[in-house]
Protein backbone atom coordinates (compact mmCIF):
# COMPACT_ATOMS: atom_id res chain seq x y z
CA GLN A 1 17.02 0.99 -16.66
CA VAL A 2 13.23 0.89 -16.40
CA GLN A 3 11.32 -2.26 -17.24
CA LEU A 4 7.78 -1.83 -18.49
CA VAL A 5 5.10 -4.50 -18.70
CA GLU A 6 1.80 -3.80 -20.46
CA SER A 7 -1.47 -5.66 -20.08
CA GLY A 8 -5.12 -5.24 -20.94
CA GLY A 9 -5.12 -5.55 -24.69
CA GLY A 10 -7.60 -7.69 -26.55
CA SER A 11 -10.35 -7.76 -29.12
CA VAL A 12 -13.39 -5.55 -28.74
CA GLN A 13 -16.32 -4.53 -30.87
CA ALA A 14 -16.38 -1.00 -32.25
CA GLY A 15 -17.89 1.35 -29.72
CA GLY A 16 -16.59 -0.70 -26.83
CA SER A 17 -13.95 0.02 -24.21
CA LEU A 18 -10.64 -1.36 -23.03
CA ARG A 19 -8.26 -0.36 -20.27
CA LEU A 20 -4.55 -0.81 -20.73
CA SER A 21 -2.13 -0.96 -17.83
CA CYS A 22 1.63 -0.63 -17.67
CA VAL A 23 3.65 -1.47 -14.60
CA ALA A 24 7.07 0.13 -14.38
CA SER A 25 10.00 -1.16 -12.33
CA SER A 26 10.78 2.37 -11.16
CA SER A 27 9.52 5.91 -11.52
CA SER A 28 10.13 8.19 -14.47
CA VAL A 29 9.49 11.82 -15.35
CA CYS A 30 7.07 11.13 -18.17
CA MET A 31 5.15 8.09 -19.33
CA SER A 32 3.42 7.66 -22.63
CA TRP A 33 1.38 5.33 -24.77
CA PHE A 34 2.34 4.86 -28.38
CA ARG A 35 0.72 2.69 -31.00
CA GLN A 36 1.69 1.25 -34.34
CA ALA A 37 -0.60 -0.34 -36.87
CA PRO A 38 0.69 -2.56 -39.68
CA GLY A 39 2.16 -0.46 -42.47
CA LYS A 40 1.89 2.76 -40.48
CA GLU A 41 4.31 4.87 -38.52
CA ARG A 42 4.38 4.75 -34.77
CA GLU A 43 2.09 7.36 -33.24
CA ARG A 44 2.20 8.90 -29.79
CA VAL A 45 -1.27 8.46 -28.33
CA ALA A 46 -1.02 10.06 -24.89
CA SER A 47 1.49 11.19 -22.30
CA ILE A 48 1.41 12.17 -18.67
CA SER A 49 4.08 13.74 -16.50
CA THR A 50 4.77 12.69 -12.95
CA ALA A 51 5.26 16.07 -11.33
CA SER A 52 2.35 18.03 -12.71
CA SER A 53 0.18 15.28 -14.18
CA SER A 54 -0.06 17.38 -17.30
CA THR A 55 -1.31 15.36 -20.23
CA TYR A 56 -1.03 15.17 -23.99
CA TYR A 57 -3.42 13.47 -26.39
CA ALA A 58 -3.22 12.88 -30.09
CA ASP A 59 -6.08 14.58 -31.93
CA SER A 60 -7.32 11.19 -33.07
CA VAL A 61 -8.10 10.08 -29.52
CA LYS A 62 -9.10 13.28 -27.75
CA GLY A 63 -12.39 12.90 -25.94
CA ARG A 64 -12.27 9.11 -26.15
CA PHE A 65 -9.07 8.09 -24.36
CA THR A 66 -7.91 9.04 -20.89
CA VAL A 67 -4.37 8.59 -19.62
CA SER A 68 -3.66 8.38 -15.90
CA ARG A 69 -1.00 7.10 -13.56
CA ASP A 70 -0.68 5.85 -10.01
CA ASN A 71 2.71 7.10 -8.89
CA ALA A 72 2.66 5.01 -5.72
CA LYS A 73 2.33 1.88 -7.85
CA ASN A 74 4.46 3.11 -10.79
CA THR A 75 1.55 2.18 -13.00
CA LEU A 76 0.29 3.88 -16.14
CA TYR A 77 -3.22 3.43 -17.49
CA LEU A 78 -5.01 4.16 -20.73
CA GLN A 79 -8.80 4.07 -20.64
CA MET A 80 -10.05 3.71 -24.18
CA ASN A 81 -13.72 4.36 -24.88
CA SER A 82 -15.75 4.55 -28.08
CA LEU A 83 -13.17 2.45 -29.84
CA LYS A 84 -13.00 2.58 -33.62
CA ASP A 85 -11.60 0.23 -36.23
CA GLU A 86 -8.72 2.63 -36.78
CA ASP A 87 -7.64 2.21 -33.15
CA THR A 88 -6.47 -1.30 -34.00
CA ALA A 89 -2.73 -1.42 -33.34
CA MET A 90 0.00 -2.67 -31.09
CA TYR A 91 0.08 -0.37 -28.09
CA TYR A 92 3.37 0.32 -26.35
CA CYS A 93 4.07 1.81 -22.96
CA ALA A 94 7.09 4.09 -22.84
CA ALA A 95 8.94 6.03 -20.18
CA GLY A 96 11.27 8.99 -20.29
CA ARG A 97 13.94 10.29 -17.93
CA ASP A 98 12.90 13.87 -18.65
CA LEU A 99 10.05 15.77 -20.30
CA MET A 100 11.59 15.22 -23.72
CA GLY A 101 11.06 11.58 -22.94
CA CYS A 102 7.35 12.13 -23.37
CA TRP A 103 7.87 11.88 -27.12
CA ASN A 104 11.44 10.60 -27.25
CA ALA A 105 11.18 7.80 -24.73
CA GLN A 106 14.21 5.91 -23.50
CA TYR A 107 12.39 2.84 -22.25
CA TRP A 108 9.80 0.69 -23.96
CA GLY A 109 7.50 -2.18 -23.11
CA GLN A 110 6.93 -5.19 -25.30
CA GLY A 111 3.50 -4.05 -26.44
CA THR A 112 -0.06 -5.26 -26.13
CA GLN A 113 -2.35 -5.82 -29.11
CA VAL A 114 -5.66 -4.00 -29.42
CA THR A 115 -8.02 -5.17 -32.14
CA VAL A 116 -11.31 -3.42 -32.82
CA PHE A 117 -13.83 -5.18 -35.04
CA SER A 118 -17.11 -4.02 -36.54
């Protein structure tokens, strides 16, 4: 079992930046950020693997968000720049036991709210 604790959410004006962090209780093969806005389906935002540090980004965030991880600290980050109103959502950290876990994660954090206002 992997426990995940997110932090760093908040309210920010459009065009601003936020950095989310997620501390894991142990390592995992792949870690991801998902988000869900009210009335919308959950969306995978970004993923990063441990072994190769290969990354995935949703088209909606490419060029604006950067996912990274510190394996020594079992910590996942999401740097979010040029934030838009449509980025408003609850953001969840997730971890997978294998590469399929990048999109089909076994472990989930409790979420951190990001609100972007104009």
